[in-house]
Amino acid sequence: MNRRQLLRNGAAAAATLALPARAFAQVNPTASRDAALLAIAREQVARAGAKLWHRDKVAIADFGLHSARPRFHFVDLVNNRVESFHVSHGDGSDPDHDGWLKWYSNLEGSHCTSKGAYMTRSWYVGKFGTSIRLEGLDPSNSNALPRAIVMHQADYARPEHIATYGKLGRSNGCFAMGPEQFDRALIELAGGRMLYAASLGLAEDGSRVMPPVAQTELLVRPYPQNTFDRTNPGVY
């Protein structure tokens, strides 16, 4: 073997050894939670099919975790990356205000968070500034548009709120985020992408945790129709 061929073979070997390092930087296969989130995102995008306008990025809200945890995940299916932020749930879902979601509901006036797949739609300016409309794609959240369940920013959803109160504040059922985090959502998630809400209980190490409270579907209006006053911040 001559010197030129030896150098060529050595360069090829070095390139082969470098490949796993680049793959690790993109995918990080040791992060089993991220791997699970990527799999869930792909499954839900496939289930939604042609309903979605864009299939590159998915938001996953994991309401199996306490509101003090970073449980709102931006899942980039093109680059196999996950970033995690905070998100609030509805006050009707957490009447004790202890940071745990107890009720999901699709009912008008419940102030509850709804589970299922959503599609982000247009921006508009409401009570909390620029917000993102959401269209419910499942029977469990089909009233999202008439209920004005949206994504918006709120001071009570800032991570700093947790340092003072040990939990985030509550919305009227909307997906509320801190202003800086919501700015990312406006750029990355709006315009026909998926938001999926469920109680997954995915811890940072990839293990599944059970919330210390029961989480069920509220099927009956929590108070009489004639006493209801719409207060959802996303009213158009």
Protein backbone atom coordinates (compact mmCIF):
# COMPACT_ATOMS: atom_id res chain seq x y z
CA MET A 1 0.00 0.00 0.00
CA ASN A 2 1.51 3.36 -1.02
CA ARG A 3 1.51 6.47 1.12
CA ARG A 4 -1.27 8.19 -0.86
CA GLN A 5 -3.63 5.23 -0.47
CA LEU A 6 -2.81 5.00 3.25
CA LEU A 7 -3.72 8.65 3.77
CA ARG A 8 -6.94 8.19 1.79
CA ASN A 9 -7.98 5.19 3.88
CA GLY A 10 -7.14 7.05 7.08
CA ALA A 11 -9.31 10.00 6.07
CA ALA A 12 -12.24 7.70 5.31
CA ALA A 13 -11.90 6.03 8.71
CA ALA A 14 -11.80 9.40 10.46
CA ALA A 15 -14.97 10.49 8.66
CA THR A 16 -16.73 7.30 9.71
CA LEU A 17 -15.78 7.85 13.34
CA ALA A 18 -17.11 11.43 13.18
CA LEU A 19 -20.60 10.43 12.03
CA PRO A 20 -21.97 9.24 15.40
CA ALA A 21 -20.86 12.49 17.05
CA ARG A 22 -22.84 14.58 14.55
CA ALA A 23 -25.88 12.33 14.90
CA PHE A 24 -25.68 12.61 18.68
CA ALA A 25 -25.62 16.40 18.45
CA GLN A 26 -28.85 16.41 16.44
CA VAL A 27 -30.86 13.59 17.98
CA ASN A 28 -29.25 12.92 21.39
CA PRO A 29 -30.40 9.28 21.55
CA THR A 30 -29.70 9.07 25.29
CA ALA A 31 -32.58 11.49 25.96
CA SER A 32 -35.38 8.94 26.08
CA ARG A 33 -38.00 11.58 26.89
CA ASP A 34 -37.12 13.45 23.71
CA ALA A 35 -37.26 10.20 21.74
CA ALA A 36 -40.72 9.50 23.17
CA LEU A 37 -41.92 13.02 22.32
CA LEU A 38 -40.65 12.70 18.76
CA ALA A 39 -42.50 9.41 18.39
CA ILE A 40 -45.73 10.86 19.82
CA ALA A 41 -45.48 13.91 17.54
CA ARG A 42 -45.04 11.74 14.45
CA GLU A 43 -47.95 9.51 15.48
CA GLN A 44 -50.29 12.48 15.99
CA VAL A 45 -49.26 14.18 12.76
CA ALA A 46 -49.94 10.95 10.89
CA ARG A 47 -53.33 10.65 12.60
CA ALA A 48 -54.29 14.20 11.60
CA GLY A 49 -53.24 13.58 8.01
CA ALA A 50 -54.21 16.23 5.46
CA LYS A 51 -55.96 18.39 8.07
CA LEU A 52 -52.63 20.03 8.94
CA TRP A 53 -51.15 22.75 6.74
CA HIS A 54 -47.61 22.19 8.02
CA ARG A 55 -46.12 19.01 9.47
CA ASP A 56 -42.60 20.12 10.42
CA LYS A 57 -43.15 21.18 14.05
CA VAL A 58 -45.51 20.03 16.78
CA ALA A 59 -46.27 21.38 20.26
CA ILE A 60 -47.00 18.81 22.98
CA ALA A 61 -48.58 19.94 26.26
CA ASP A 62 -48.05 17.27 28.93
CA PHE A 63 -50.67 17.95 31.61
CA GLY A 64 -49.67 14.83 33.51
CA LEU A 65 -47.00 17.05 35.09
CA HIS A 66 -47.28 19.87 37.66
CA SER A 67 -47.47 23.41 36.29
CA ALA A 68 -44.07 24.22 37.83
CA ARG A 69 -42.46 21.74 35.43
CA PRO A 70 -41.43 22.60 31.84
CA ARG A 71 -44.22 20.56 30.24
CA PHE A 72 -44.82 22.37 26.94
CA HIS A 73 -42.55 20.86 24.31
CA PHE A 74 -41.63 22.25 20.89
CA VAL A 75 -40.88 19.17 18.77
CA ASP A 76 -38.96 19.81 15.56
CA LEU A 77 -39.55 16.78 13.33
CA VAL A 78 -37.18 17.99 10.62
CA ASN A 79 -34.11 18.37 12.84
CA ASN A 80 -35.14 15.85 15.56
CA ARG A 81 -34.94 18.44 18.33
CA VAL A 82 -37.04 19.13 21.42
CA GLU A 83 -37.20 22.31 23.52
CA SER A 84 -39.31 22.52 26.68
CA PHE A 85 -41.11 25.47 28.26
CA HIS A 86 -43.88 26.20 30.77
CA VAL A 87 -47.62 26.41 30.07
CA SER A 88 -50.69 27.10 32.21
CA HIS A 89 -53.90 25.10 32.39
CA GLY A 90 -57.46 26.32 33.05
CA ASP A 91 -58.79 27.35 36.44
CA GLY A 92 -61.76 25.03 35.90
CA SER A 93 -59.27 22.19 35.51
CA ASP A 94 -57.60 23.08 38.81
CA PRO A 95 -60.20 24.57 41.19
CA ASP A 96 -57.91 23.99 44.20
CA HIS A 97 -55.12 25.92 42.46
CA ASP A 98 -52.45 23.46 43.57
CA GLY A 99 -50.79 23.23 40.15
CA TRP A 100 -52.30 19.88 39.12
CA LEU A 101 -54.89 19.45 36.37
CA LYS A 102 -57.88 17.42 37.58
CA TRP A 103 -60.49 18.01 34.89
CA TYR A 104 -60.48 18.12 31.12
CA SER A 105 -63.59 19.43 29.44
CA ASN A 106 -64.92 20.50 26.06
CA LEU A 107 -67.89 22.32 27.62
CA GLU A 108 -68.54 26.01 27.05
CA GLY A 109 -68.21 27.82 30.36
CA SER A 110 -66.19 25.12 32.09
CA HIS A 111 -62.91 27.11 32.05
CA CYS A 112 -61.23 23.74 31.63
CA THR A 113 -58.36 22.71 29.44
CA SER A 114 -59.36 20.30 26.66
CA LYS A 115 -57.28 17.32 25.61
CA GLY A 116 -56.62 16.15 22.07
CA ALA A 117 -55.08 17.44 18.87
CA TYR A 118 -55.45 21.05 17.74
CA MET A 119 -54.38 22.93 14.64
CA THR A 120 -52.99 26.43 15.07
CA ARG A 121 -54.74 29.01 12.91
CA SER A 122 -54.42 32.77 12.43
CA TRP A 123 -53.09 35.41 14.77
CA TYR A 124 -55.31 38.12 16.26
CA VAL A 125 -54.98 40.81 18.94
CA GLY A 126 -57.02 40.17 22.09
CA LYS A 127 -56.97 40.88 25.81
CA PHE A 128 -53.45 39.48 26.15
CA GLY A 129 -52.07 40.97 22.95
CA THR A 130 -51.24 38.87 19.91
CA SER A 131 -52.74 35.39 20.29
CA ILE A 132 -53.13 32.25 18.18
CA ARG A 133 -56.52 30.73 17.42
CA LEU A 134 -56.81 26.95 17.82
CA GLU A 135 -59.09 24.55 15.98
CA GLY A 136 -59.91 21.34 17.85
CA LEU A 137 -59.49 18.23 15.70
CA ASP A 138 -60.94 15.67 18.16
CA PRO A 139 -64.35 15.18 19.81
CA SER A 140 -62.68 16.03 23.13
CA ASN A 141 -61.78 19.58 21.97
CA SER A 142 -64.17 20.26 19.10
CA ASN A 143 -65.49 23.43 20.77
CA ALA A 144 -62.08 25.13 20.92
CA LEU A 145 -62.97 27.81 18.36
CA PRO A 146 -66.42 28.73 19.79
CA ARG A 147 -65.00 28.58 23.33
CA ALA A 148 -62.13 30.88 22.25
CA ILE A 149 -59.52 28.46 23.56
CA VAL A 150 -56.29 29.92 22.20
CA MET A 151 -52.57 30.32 22.79
CA HIS A 152 -51.58 33.62 24.40
CA GLN A 153 -48.97 35.21 26.61
CA ALA A 154 -49.58 36.05 30.28
CA ASP A 155 -47.46 37.34 33.15
CA TYR A 156 -48.83 34.60 35.41
CA ALA A 157 -47.27 32.03 33.08
CA ARG A 158 -43.73 33.41 33.39
CA PRO A 159 -41.19 30.99 34.91
CA GLU A 160 -40.49 33.69 37.53
CA HIS A 161 -44.02 33.15 38.86
CA ILE A 162 -42.95 29.71 40.04
CA ALA A 163 -40.16 31.11 42.23
CA THR A 164 -42.75 33.12 44.18
CA TYR A 165 -45.78 30.82 44.22
CA GLY A 166 -44.40 27.35 43.43
CA LYS A 167 -46.72 27.05 40.42
CA LEU A 168 -48.01 29.00 37.45
CA GLY A 169 -51.21 30.98 37.47
CA ARG A 170 -54.29 29.61 35.70
CA SER A 171 -55.99 30.58 32.46
CA ASN A 172 -59.66 30.24 31.51
CA GLY A 173 -58.78 27.09 29.59
CA CYS A 174 -56.27 28.61 27.18
CA PHE A 175 -52.64 27.60 26.66
CA ALA A 176 -50.91 30.55 28.36
CA MET A 177 -47.14 31.01 28.21
CA GLY A 178 -44.63 33.57 29.40
CA PRO A 179 -44.12 36.41 26.89
CA GLU A 180 -40.65 35.33 25.75
CA GLN A 181 -41.72 31.72 25.30
CA PHE A 182 -44.89 32.77 23.49
CA ASP A 183 -42.87 34.85 21.04
CA ARG A 184 -41.19 31.59 20.03
CA ALA A 185 -44.59 29.98 19.58
CA LEU A 186 -45.71 32.77 17.27
CA ILE A 187 -42.73 32.14 15.04
CA GLU A 188 -42.51 28.35 15.17
CA LEU A 189 -46.01 26.99 15.77
CA ALA A 190 -48.55 29.25 14.10
CA GLY A 191 -50.08 28.75 10.68
CA GLY A 192 -51.54 25.26 10.52
CA ARG A 193 -49.27 23.24 12.81
CA MET A 194 -50.31 20.80 15.50
CA LEU A 195 -50.67 21.27 19.24
CA TYR A 196 -51.36 18.04 21.11
CA ALA A 197 -52.56 18.05 24.74
CA ALA A 198 -52.62 14.94 26.92
CA SER A 199 -51.59 13.58 30.31
CA LEU A 200 -48.37 11.81 29.36
CA GLY A 201 -46.42 12.23 32.59
CA LEU A 202 -43.05 12.16 30.83
CA ALA A 203 -40.26 13.02 33.26
CA GLU A 204 -36.97 14.50 32.07
CA ASP A 205 -35.23 11.13 32.36
CA GLY A 206 -37.85 9.54 30.10
CA SER A 207 -39.71 7.71 32.86
CA ARG A 208 -43.49 7.94 33.21
CA VAL A 209 -44.86 9.48 36.40
CA MET A 210 -48.40 9.29 37.71
CA PRO A 211 -49.98 12.54 38.94
CA PRO A 212 -51.08 12.37 42.60
CA VAL A 213 -54.64 13.35 41.61
CA ALA A 214 -57.33 11.80 39.44
CA GLN A 215 -57.64 13.33 35.97
CA THR A 216 -61.03 12.85 34.35
CA GLU A 217 -63.34 14.35 31.74
CA LEU A 218 -65.93 16.86 32.98
CA LEU A 219 -69.10 16.11 31.02
CA VAL A 220 -71.67 18.23 32.93
CA ARG A 221 -71.72 22.02 33.09
CA PRO A 222 -70.23 23.07 36.44
CA TYR A 223 -72.80 25.83 37.01
CA PRO A 224 -76.20 26.84 35.57
CA GLN A 225 -76.39 28.23 32.04
CA ASN A 226 -78.04 31.49 33.13
CA THR A 227 -75.14 32.40 35.43
CA PHE A 228 -72.46 31.98 32.80
CA ASP A 229 -70.53 35.06 31.73
CA ARG A 230 -67.95 34.42 29.01
CA THR A 231 -64.55 35.47 30.36
CA ASN A 232 -62.21 33.51 28.11
CA PRO A 233 -59.35 35.86 27.19
CA GLY A 234 -59.40 34.70 23.60
CA VAL A 235 -62.84 36.14 22.74
CA TYR A 236 -62.62 37.41 19.16
